[in-house]
Amino acid sequence: VRARFGIPADAFVLGFVGRIVWSKGVVELVEAWKTLREEFPNLHMLMVGPIEPEDPLPAEVEAALRNDSRIHLVGQDWDTPPLFASMDVLVLPTYREGLPIVLLEAAAMTLPSIGTRVPGCVDVIEDGVTGTLLPPYDAPALASAVRAYIRDPELRRRHGRQARQRVLRDFQ
């Protein structure tokens, strides 16, 4: 997958899987991205899912997604295992959610997740154990959580292992 999108093998890949819409926290994700991309020149973002006209993004946010050479818009591709395998961390900065299957899928693939303290996300992510929870609408907190995983590979691996153990134990 990395080669298909021109992502270097040694890049850190931030992933997002879902509808690319306002209520999934994409505005804050792009705001956090703008800070992080300057700090980490080897950071890339893989975004899997459709940009939908219902619940639209502001024009400048959609333009930022489409015009950044280090943001890779996959579109709707639900053969996600190879996509998850190319990611280092999954983010879901959503404002509201049911039970986010994408977090369970990421955990099954040994990926730590960053999500918001909203119903659904709090049922899947154990803060500080399998991933990181933060307040919705908080781009600086999102940037800080991503930064922690970039800077601490052992934290990333530990949370990923614990996420997989939890999903196998609690979400069969």
N, C-alpha and C. Protein backbone atom coordinates (compact mmCIF):
# COMPACT_ATOMS: atom_id res chain seq x y z
N VAL A 1 0.83 -1.20 0.00
CA VAL A 1 0.00 0.00 0.00
C VAL A 1 0.87 1.26 0.00
N ARG A 2 1.93 1.25 0.82
CA ARG A 2 2.78 2.43 0.88
C ARG A 2 3.36 2.74 -0.50
N ALA A 3 3.85 1.72 -1.19
CA ALA A 3 4.44 1.93 -2.52
C ALA A 3 3.38 2.45 -3.50
N ARG A 4 2.16 1.94 -3.41
CA ARG A 4 1.08 2.37 -4.31
C ARG A 4 0.82 3.87 -4.20
N PHE A 5 1.00 4.42 -3.01
CA PHE A 5 0.73 5.84 -2.79
C PHE A 5 2.01 6.69 -2.72
N GLY A 6 3.15 6.07 -2.97
CA GLY A 6 4.41 6.81 -2.93
C GLY A 6 4.83 7.21 -1.53
N ILE A 7 4.44 6.43 -0.54
CA ILE A 7 4.81 6.70 0.85
C ILE A 7 6.12 5.98 1.13
N PRO A 8 7.15 6.69 1.56
CA PRO A 8 8.43 6.02 1.86
C PRO A 8 8.26 4.93 2.92
N ALA A 9 9.08 3.89 2.80
CA ALA A 9 9.00 2.76 3.73
C ALA A 9 9.24 3.19 5.17
N ASP A 10 10.06 4.22 5.38
CA ASP A 10 10.38 4.64 6.74
C ASP A 10 9.48 5.77 7.25
N ALA A 11 8.43 6.10 6.52
CA ALA A 11 7.52 7.17 6.93
C ALA A 11 6.66 6.71 8.10
N PHE A 12 6.23 7.67 8.91
CA PHE A 12 5.22 7.42 9.93
C PHE A 12 3.88 7.72 9.27
N VAL A 13 2.96 6.74 9.32
CA VAL A 13 1.67 6.91 8.64
C VAL A 13 0.54 7.01 9.65
N LEU A 14 -0.10 8.14 9.62
CA LEU A 14 -1.30 8.41 10.41
C LEU A 14 -2.48 7.98 9.55
N GLY A 15 -3.39 7.20 10.11
CA GLY A 15 -4.51 6.71 9.33
C GLY A 15 -5.85 7.19 9.83
N PHE A 16 -6.77 7.32 8.89
CA PHE A 16 -8.16 7.64 9.19
C PHE A 16 -8.99 6.75 8.27
N VAL A 17 -10.00 6.07 8.84
CA VAL A 17 -10.89 5.23 8.05
C VAL A 17 -12.32 5.60 8.41
N GLY A 18 -13.09 6.02 7.43
CA GLY A 18 -14.48 6.39 7.67
C GLY A 18 -14.94 7.42 6.66
N ARG A 19 -16.16 7.86 6.85
CA ARG A 19 -16.67 8.92 5.98
C ARG A 19 -15.89 10.20 6.27
N ILE A 20 -15.43 10.86 5.25
CA ILE A 20 -14.63 12.08 5.42
C ILE A 20 -15.61 13.25 5.41
N VAL A 21 -16.11 13.54 6.62
CA VAL A 21 -17.15 14.54 6.81
C VAL A 21 -16.87 15.35 8.07
N TRP A 22 -17.60 16.43 8.21
CA TRP A 22 -17.42 17.35 9.34
C TRP A 22 -17.55 16.63 10.69
N SER A 23 -18.62 15.82 10.88
CA SER A 23 -18.90 15.23 12.19
C SER A 23 -17.90 14.15 12.62
N LYS A 24 -17.02 13.74 11.73
CA LYS A 24 -15.97 12.78 12.10
C LYS A 24 -14.72 13.49 12.64
N GLY A 25 -14.79 14.81 12.78
CA GLY A 25 -13.66 15.56 13.35
C GLY A 25 -12.56 15.85 12.35
N VAL A 26 -12.90 15.82 11.07
CA VAL A 26 -11.88 16.03 10.04
C VAL A 26 -11.34 17.46 10.06
N VAL A 27 -12.15 18.42 10.49
CA VAL A 27 -11.67 19.81 10.59
C VAL A 27 -10.52 19.87 11.60
N GLU A 28 -10.70 19.27 12.77
CA GLU A 28 -9.64 19.25 13.78
C GLU A 28 -8.45 18.41 13.33
N LEU A 29 -8.72 17.33 12.61
CA LEU A 29 -7.64 16.49 12.10
C LEU A 29 -6.75 17.29 11.15
N VAL A 30 -7.35 18.05 10.26
CA VAL A 30 -6.56 18.86 9.33
C VAL A 30 -5.82 19.97 10.07
N GLU A 31 -6.45 20.56 11.08
CA GLU A 31 -5.77 21.59 11.88
C GLU A 31 -4.55 21.00 12.59
N ALA A 32 -4.72 19.83 13.21
CA ALA A 32 -3.60 19.16 13.87
C ALA A 32 -2.53 18.77 12.84
N TRP A 33 -2.96 18.30 11.70
CA TRP A 33 -2.05 17.90 10.63
C TRP A 33 -1.12 19.04 10.22
N LYS A 34 -1.67 20.23 10.10
CA LYS A 34 -0.87 21.39 9.65
C LYS A 34 0.30 21.64 10.59
N THR A 35 0.09 21.45 11.88
CA THR A 35 1.17 21.60 12.86
C THR A 35 2.16 20.44 12.75
N LEU A 36 1.62 19.23 12.73
CA LEU A 36 2.46 18.03 12.74
C LEU A 36 3.31 17.88 11.49
N ARG A 37 2.76 18.22 10.34
CA ARG A 37 3.50 18.03 9.08
C ARG A 37 4.75 18.90 9.04
N GLU A 38 4.72 20.04 9.73
CA GLU A 38 5.90 20.91 9.77
C GLU A 38 6.95 20.34 10.74
N GLU A 39 6.49 19.74 11.82
CA GLU A 39 7.41 19.16 12.82
C GLU A 39 8.05 17.87 12.34
N PHE A 40 7.31 17.10 11.57
CA PHE A 40 7.76 15.76 11.18
C PHE A 40 7.72 15.61 9.66
N PRO A 41 8.83 15.88 8.98
CA PRO A 41 8.83 15.85 7.52
C PRO A 41 8.58 14.46 6.93
N ASN A 42 8.67 13.43 7.75
CA ASN A 42 8.45 12.08 7.25
C ASN A 42 7.06 11.55 7.62
N LEU A 43 6.17 12.45 8.02
CA LEU A 43 4.80 12.08 8.38
C LEU A 43 3.91 12.12 7.14
N HIS A 44 3.12 11.07 6.99
CA HIS A 44 2.13 10.99 5.91
C HIS A 44 0.79 10.64 6.53
N MET A 45 -0.30 10.95 5.83
CA MET A 45 -1.63 10.60 6.32
C MET A 45 -2.38 9.87 5.22
N LEU A 46 -2.89 8.69 5.58
CA LEU A 46 -3.68 7.85 4.69
C LEU A 46 -5.13 7.96 5.12
N MET A 47 -5.98 8.49 4.24
CA MET A 47 -7.38 8.69 4.56
C MET A 47 -8.23 7.79 3.66
N VAL A 48 -8.94 6.87 4.31
CA VAL A 48 -9.72 5.87 3.61
C VAL A 48 -11.20 6.17 3.82
N GLY A 49 -11.91 6.38 2.74
CA GLY A 49 -13.35 6.64 2.84
C GLY A 49 -13.76 7.71 1.86
N PRO A 50 -15.05 7.84 1.68
CA PRO A 50 -15.56 8.82 0.73
C PRO A 50 -15.70 10.22 1.36
N ILE A 51 -15.42 11.23 0.56
CA ILE A 51 -15.78 12.60 0.94
C ILE A 51 -17.23 12.76 0.51
N GLU A 52 -18.11 12.95 1.50
CA GLU A 52 -19.54 12.97 1.22
C GLU A 52 -20.09 14.39 1.23
N PRO A 53 -21.03 14.69 0.33
CA PRO A 53 -21.62 16.03 0.29
C PRO A 53 -22.57 16.30 1.46
N GLU A 54 -23.14 15.22 2.04
CA GLU A 54 -23.94 15.41 3.25
C GLU A 54 -22.94 15.62 4.39
N ASP A 55 -23.22 16.54 5.28
CA ASP A 55 -22.30 16.83 6.38
C ASP A 55 -20.94 17.29 5.82
N PRO A 56 -20.96 18.30 4.93
CA PRO A 56 -19.76 18.66 4.18
C PRO A 56 -18.68 19.33 5.03
N LEU A 57 -17.47 19.17 4.54
CA LEU A 57 -16.33 19.86 5.11
C LEU A 57 -16.30 21.29 4.61
N PRO A 58 -15.74 22.22 5.38
CA PRO A 58 -15.51 23.56 4.83
C PRO A 58 -14.61 23.44 3.58
N ALA A 59 -14.82 24.31 2.62
CA ALA A 59 -14.07 24.25 1.35
C ALA A 59 -12.57 24.26 1.56
N GLU A 60 -12.09 25.06 2.52
CA GLU A 60 -10.64 25.15 2.73
C GLU A 60 -10.08 23.86 3.34
N VAL A 61 -10.89 23.14 4.12
CA VAL A 61 -10.44 21.87 4.69
C VAL A 61 -10.36 20.81 3.60
N GLU A 62 -11.38 20.74 2.75
CA GLU A 62 -11.35 19.79 1.65
C GLU A 62 -10.19 20.10 0.70
N ALA A 63 -9.94 21.37 0.44
CA ALA A 63 -8.81 21.75 -0.41
C ALA A 63 -7.49 21.33 0.21
N ALA A 64 -7.36 21.49 1.53
CA ALA A 64 -6.13 21.08 2.21
C ALA A 64 -5.91 19.57 2.06
N LEU A 65 -6.98 18.80 2.15
CA LEU A 65 -6.87 17.35 1.98
C LEU A 65 -6.44 16.99 0.55
N ARG A 66 -7.04 17.66 -0.41
CA ARG A 66 -6.80 17.31 -1.81
C ARG A 66 -5.46 17.82 -2.34
N ASN A 67 -4.90 18.85 -1.72
CA ASN A 67 -3.73 19.51 -2.30
C ASN A 67 -2.42 19.28 -1.56
N ASP A 68 -2.43 18.42 -0.56
CA ASP A 68 -1.22 18.15 0.20
C ASP A 68 -0.62 16.83 -0.30
N SER A 69 0.61 16.88 -0.77
CA SER A 69 1.25 15.69 -1.35
C SER A 69 1.51 14.59 -0.33
N ARG A 70 1.39 14.91 0.95
CA ARG A 70 1.61 13.89 2.00
C ARG A 70 0.31 13.39 2.60
N ILE A 71 -0.82 13.85 2.07
CA ILE A 71 -2.13 13.30 2.44
C ILE A 71 -2.58 12.45 1.25
N HIS A 72 -2.89 11.21 1.53
CA HIS A 72 -3.25 10.26 0.48
C HIS A 72 -4.72 9.86 0.65
N LEU A 73 -5.55 10.34 -0.26
CA LEU A 73 -6.98 10.05 -0.23
C LEU A 73 -7.22 8.76 -1.00
N VAL A 74 -7.58 7.71 -0.30
CA VAL A 74 -7.77 6.40 -0.90
C VAL A 74 -9.13 6.29 -1.55
N GLY A 75 -10.12 6.99 -0.99
CA GLY A 75 -11.50 6.81 -1.44
C GLY A 75 -12.12 5.64 -0.70
N GLN A 76 -13.25 5.18 -1.21
CA GLN A 76 -13.97 4.10 -0.55
C GLN A 76 -13.33 2.77 -0.94
N ASP A 77 -12.62 2.17 -0.03
CA ASP A 77 -11.95 0.88 -0.22
C ASP A 77 -12.08 0.13 1.09
N TRP A 78 -13.02 -0.76 1.17
CA TRP A 78 -13.27 -1.43 2.43
C TRP A 78 -12.48 -2.73 2.57
N ASP A 79 -11.52 -2.97 1.68
CA ASP A 79 -10.56 -4.06 1.89
C ASP A 79 -9.47 -3.46 2.78
N THR A 80 -9.83 -3.28 4.05
CA THR A 80 -8.99 -2.48 4.93
C THR A 80 -7.76 -3.16 5.52
N PRO A 81 -7.69 -4.49 5.65
CA PRO A 81 -6.49 -5.06 6.29
C PRO A 81 -5.16 -4.57 5.70
N PRO A 82 -4.98 -4.54 4.37
CA PRO A 82 -3.70 -4.02 3.88
C PRO A 82 -3.51 -2.53 4.18
N LEU A 83 -4.60 -1.79 4.26
CA LEU A 83 -4.51 -0.36 4.57
C LEU A 83 -4.11 -0.17 6.03
N PHE A 84 -4.77 -0.91 6.95
CA PHE A 84 -4.38 -0.84 8.36
C PHE A 84 -2.92 -1.26 8.54
N ALA A 85 -2.50 -2.27 7.80
CA ALA A 85 -1.13 -2.78 7.94
C ALA A 85 -0.09 -1.72 7.54
N SER A 86 -0.49 -0.75 6.76
CA SER A 86 0.44 0.31 6.34
C SER A 86 0.45 1.50 7.30
N MET A 87 -0.45 1.49 8.28
CA MET A 87 -0.57 2.61 9.22
C MET A 87 0.22 2.35 10.50
N ASP A 88 0.60 3.44 11.17
CA ASP A 88 1.25 3.34 12.48
C ASP A 88 0.28 3.64 13.62
N VAL A 89 -0.67 4.52 13.38
CA VAL A 89 -1.69 4.90 14.37
C VAL A 89 -2.95 5.25 13.61
N LEU A 90 -4.10 4.91 14.18
CA LEU A 90 -5.39 5.28 13.61
C LEU A 90 -5.97 6.43 14.43
N VAL A 91 -6.57 7.40 13.77
CA VAL A 91 -7.25 8.49 14.47
C VAL A 91 -8.73 8.51 14.09
N LEU A 92 -9.56 8.77 15.09
CA LEU A 92 -10.99 8.94 14.88
C LEU A 92 -11.45 10.07 15.81
N PRO A 93 -11.25 11.33 15.39
CA PRO A 93 -11.59 12.46 16.26
C PRO A 93 -13.06 12.89 16.15
N THR A 94 -13.94 11.92 16.12
CA THR A 94 -15.36 12.11 15.86
C THR A 94 -16.07 12.89 16.98
N TYR A 95 -17.17 13.53 16.61
CA TYR A 95 -17.99 14.27 17.58
C TYR A 95 -19.07 13.38 18.20
N ARG A 96 -19.47 12.36 17.47
CA ARG A 96 -20.49 11.42 17.96
C ARG A 96 -20.30 10.11 17.21
N GLU A 97 -20.72 9.03 17.85
CA GLU A 97 -20.45 7.72 17.25
C GLU A 97 -21.39 6.70 17.87
N GLY A 98 -21.62 5.61 17.14
CA GLY A 98 -22.29 4.43 17.72
C GLY A 98 -21.18 3.58 18.31
N LEU A 99 -21.06 2.36 17.87
CA LEU A 99 -19.91 1.54 18.23
C LEU A 99 -19.00 1.55 17.01
N PRO A 100 -17.86 2.23 17.09
CA PRO A 100 -17.00 2.41 15.91
C PRO A 100 -16.23 1.13 15.56
N ILE A 101 -16.75 0.41 14.59
CA ILE A 101 -16.14 -0.84 14.15
C ILE A 101 -14.71 -0.60 13.68
N VAL A 102 -14.44 0.56 13.11
CA VAL A 102 -13.09 0.85 12.63
C VAL A 102 -12.07 0.77 13.76
N LEU A 103 -12.44 1.17 14.97
CA LEU A 103 -11.52 1.06 16.11
C LEU A 103 -11.27 -0.39 16.48
N LEU A 104 -12.31 -1.22 16.36
CA LEU A 104 -12.14 -2.65 16.64
C LEU A 104 -11.25 -3.31 15.58
N GLU A 105 -11.46 -2.93 14.32
CA GLU A 105 -10.64 -3.47 13.24
C GLU A 105 -9.18 -3.06 13.41
N ALA A 106 -8.95 -1.80 13.76
CA ALA A 106 -7.57 -1.33 13.98
C ALA A 106 -6.94 -2.11 15.13
N ALA A 107 -7.68 -2.28 16.22
CA ALA A 107 -7.16 -3.02 17.37
C ALA A 107 -6.81 -4.45 16.96
N ALA A 108 -7.66 -5.08 16.17
CA ALA A 108 -7.39 -6.45 15.72
C ALA A 108 -6.10 -6.51 14.90
N MET A 109 -5.75 -5.41 14.26
CA MET A 109 -4.53 -5.32 13.44
C MET A 109 -3.34 -4.80 14.25
N THR A 110 -3.48 -4.74 15.57
CA THR A 110 -2.41 -4.32 16.49
C THR A 110 -2.06 -2.85 16.33
N LEU A 111 -3.06 -2.05 16.00
CA LEU A 111 -2.85 -0.61 15.87
C LEU A 111 -3.42 0.11 17.08
N PRO A 112 -2.66 1.01 17.68
CA PRO A 112 -3.26 1.88 18.70
C PRO A 112 -4.15 2.91 18.02
N SER A 113 -5.14 3.38 18.73
CA SER A 113 -6.05 4.38 18.18
C SER A 113 -6.11 5.60 19.07
N ILE A 114 -6.37 6.72 18.42
CA ILE A 114 -6.64 7.98 19.10
C ILE A 114 -8.09 8.32 18.78
N GLY A 115 -8.89 8.45 19.80
CA GLY A 115 -10.30 8.77 19.60
C GLY A 115 -10.76 9.82 20.60
N THR A 116 -12.00 10.18 20.47
CA THR A 116 -12.56 11.21 21.34
C THR A 116 -13.39 10.57 22.46
N ARG A 117 -13.53 11.32 23.54
CA ARG A 117 -14.33 10.86 24.69
C ARG A 117 -15.81 11.06 24.39
N VAL A 118 -16.31 10.20 23.51
CA VAL A 118 -17.73 10.19 23.17
C VAL A 118 -18.20 8.74 23.26
N PRO A 119 -19.52 8.53 23.47
CA PRO A 119 -20.01 7.15 23.50
C PRO A 119 -19.51 6.38 22.26
N GLY A 120 -19.22 5.13 22.46
CA GLY A 120 -18.68 4.31 21.39
C GLY A 120 -17.17 4.26 21.46
N CYS A 121 -16.53 5.38 21.27
CA CYS A 121 -15.06 5.43 21.36
C CYS A 121 -14.60 5.03 22.76
N VAL A 122 -15.29 5.53 23.79
CA VAL A 122 -14.89 5.20 25.16
C VAL A 122 -15.17 3.74 25.49
N ASP A 123 -16.01 3.08 24.70
CA ASP A 123 -16.29 1.67 24.91
C ASP A 123 -15.24 0.78 24.28
N VAL A 124 -14.48 1.31 23.35
CA VAL A 124 -13.47 0.52 22.64
C VAL A 124 -12.06 0.84 23.11
N ILE A 125 -11.75 2.12 23.24
CA ILE A 125 -10.39 2.53 23.61
C ILE A 125 -10.28 2.64 25.13
N GLU A 126 -9.31 1.95 25.70
CA GLU A 126 -8.96 2.15 27.12
C GLU A 126 -7.85 3.19 27.13
N ASP A 127 -8.17 4.38 27.61
CA ASP A 127 -7.23 5.49 27.59
C ASP A 127 -5.94 5.13 28.31
N GLY A 128 -4.82 5.31 27.62
CA GLY A 128 -3.53 5.02 28.20
C GLY A 128 -3.17 3.54 28.24
N VAL A 129 -4.04 2.69 27.71
CA VAL A 129 -3.79 1.25 27.71
C VAL A 129 -3.79 0.71 26.27
N THR A 130 -4.87 0.97 25.54
CA THR A 130 -4.98 0.50 24.16
C THR A 130 -4.93 1.64 23.15
N GLY A 131 -4.89 2.85 23.66
CA GLY A 131 -4.89 4.03 22.81
C GLY A 131 -5.03 5.28 23.66
N THR A 132 -5.47 6.34 23.02
CA THR A 132 -5.59 7.63 23.69
C THR A 132 -6.95 8.23 23.42
N LEU A 133 -7.60 8.72 24.47
CA LEU A 133 -8.86 9.43 24.35
C LEU A 133 -8.63 10.90 24.63
N LEU A 134 -9.32 11.76 23.89
CA LEU A 134 -9.19 13.20 24.07
C LEU A 134 -10.54 13.85 23.85
N PRO A 135 -10.68 15.09 24.27
CA PRO A 135 -11.97 15.75 24.08
C PRO A 135 -12.26 15.98 22.60
N PRO A 136 -13.53 15.92 22.21
CA PRO A 136 -13.85 16.28 20.83
C PRO A 136 -13.58 17.77 20.60
N TYR A 137 -13.40 18.15 19.36
CA TYR A 137 -13.18 19.54 18.94
C TYR A 137 -11.84 20.10 19.42
N ASP A 138 -10.88 19.28 19.74
CA ASP A 138 -9.63 19.75 20.34
C ASP A 138 -8.42 19.38 19.48
N ALA A 139 -8.14 20.21 18.48
CA ALA A 139 -7.01 19.96 17.57
C ALA A 139 -5.67 19.94 18.29
N PRO A 140 -5.39 20.84 19.24
CA PRO A 140 -4.10 20.77 19.94
C PRO A 140 -3.92 19.46 20.70
N ALA A 141 -4.98 18.96 21.35
CA ALA A 141 -4.88 17.67 22.06
C ALA A 141 -4.64 16.53 21.06
N LEU A 142 -5.28 16.61 19.90
CA LEU A 142 -5.08 15.60 18.87
C LEU A 142 -3.63 15.61 18.38
N ALA A 143 -3.10 16.78 18.11
CA ALA A 143 -1.70 16.90 17.68
C ALA A 143 -0.77 16.35 18.75
N SER A 144 -1.04 16.64 20.00
CA SER A 144 -0.21 16.17 21.10
C SER A 144 -0.24 14.64 21.21
N ALA A 145 -1.40 14.04 21.03
CA ALA A 145 -1.52 12.58 21.11
C ALA A 145 -0.75 11.91 19.96
N VAL A 146 -0.88 12.44 18.76
CA VAL A 146 -0.13 11.89 17.62
C VAL A 146 1.37 12.03 17.86
N ARG A 147 1.76 13.20 18.31
CA ARG A 147 3.18 13.49 18.60
C ARG A 147 3.75 12.46 19.59
N ALA A 148 2.99 12.11 20.61
CA ALA A 148 3.45 11.15 21.61
C ALA A 148 3.73 9.80 20.97
N TYR A 149 2.88 9.36 20.05
CA TYR A 149 3.09 8.07 19.38
C TYR A 149 4.26 8.14 18.40
N ILE A 150 4.44 9.26 17.74
CA ILE A 150 5.57 9.39 16.82
C ILE A 150 6.88 9.30 17.60
N ARG A 151 6.92 9.99 18.72
CA ARG A 151 8.16 10.08 19.50
C ARG A 151 8.46 8.84 20.33
N ASP A 152 7.46 8.00 20.57
CA ASP A 152 7.65 6.85 21.46
C ASP A 152 7.18 5.56 20.79
N PRO A 153 8.03 4.95 19.97
CA PRO A 153 7.63 3.72 19.27
C PRO A 153 7.23 2.59 20.22
N GLU A 154 7.87 2.51 21.37
CA GLU A 154 7.51 1.44 22.32
C GLU A 154 6.10 1.64 22.86
N LEU A 155 5.71 2.87 23.15
CA LEU A 155 4.34 3.17 23.57
C LEU A 155 3.36 2.73 22.48
N ARG A 156 3.67 3.04 21.25
CA ARG A 156 2.84 2.67 20.11
C ARG A 156 2.69 1.14 20.03
N ARG A 157 3.79 0.42 20.13
CA ARG A 157 3.75 -1.04 20.06
C ARG A 157 2.97 -1.63 21.24
N ARG A 158 3.22 -1.11 22.44
CA ARG A 158 2.54 -1.62 23.64
C ARG A 158 1.02 -1.40 23.54
N HIS A 159 0.61 -0.19 23.18
CA HIS A 159 -0.82 0.07 23.05
C HIS A 159 -1.44 -0.79 21.95
N GLY A 160 -0.71 -0.99 20.87
CA GLY A 160 -1.21 -1.85 19.79
C GLY A 160 -1.39 -3.29 20.23
N ARG A 161 -0.42 -3.82 20.94
CA ARG A 161 -0.53 -5.21 21.45
C ARG A 161 -1.70 -5.34 22.43
N GLN A 162 -1.82 -4.37 23.33
CA GLN A 162 -2.90 -4.42 24.32
C GLN A 162 -4.26 -4.23 23.65
N ALA A 163 -4.30 -3.43 22.59
CA ALA A 163 -5.56 -3.24 21.86
C ALA A 163 -6.00 -4.57 21.23
N ARG A 164 -5.05 -5.28 20.62
CA ARG A 164 -5.39 -6.58 20.02
C ARG A 164 -5.85 -7.57 21.08
N GLN A 165 -5.15 -7.63 22.19
CA GLN A 165 -5.56 -8.55 23.27
C GLN A 165 -6.97 -8.22 23.74
N ARG A 166 -7.25 -6.95 23.87
CA ARG A 166 -8.59 -6.55 24.35
C ARG A 166 -9.68 -6.89 23.35
N VAL A 167 -9.45 -6.62 22.07
CA VAL A 167 -10.48 -6.89 21.08
C VAL A 167 -10.75 -8.40 20.99
N LEU A 168 -9.71 -9.21 21.11
CA LEU A 168 -9.90 -10.66 21.07
C LEU A 168 -10.63 -11.16 22.31
N ARG A 169 -10.36 -10.54 23.45
CA ARG A 169 -10.99 -10.94 24.71
C ARG A 169 -12.43 -10.44 24.83
N ASP A 170 -12.66 -9.17 24.48
CA ASP A 170 -13.94 -8.54 24.82
C ASP A 170 -14.91 -8.34 23.65
N PHE A 171 -14.45 -8.52 22.42
CA PHE A 171 -15.31 -8.19 21.27
C PHE A 171 -15.43 -9.35 20.28
N GLN A 172 -15.37 -10.57 20.78
CA GLN A 172 -15.54 -11.72 19.90
C GLN A 172 -16.93 -11.74 19.31
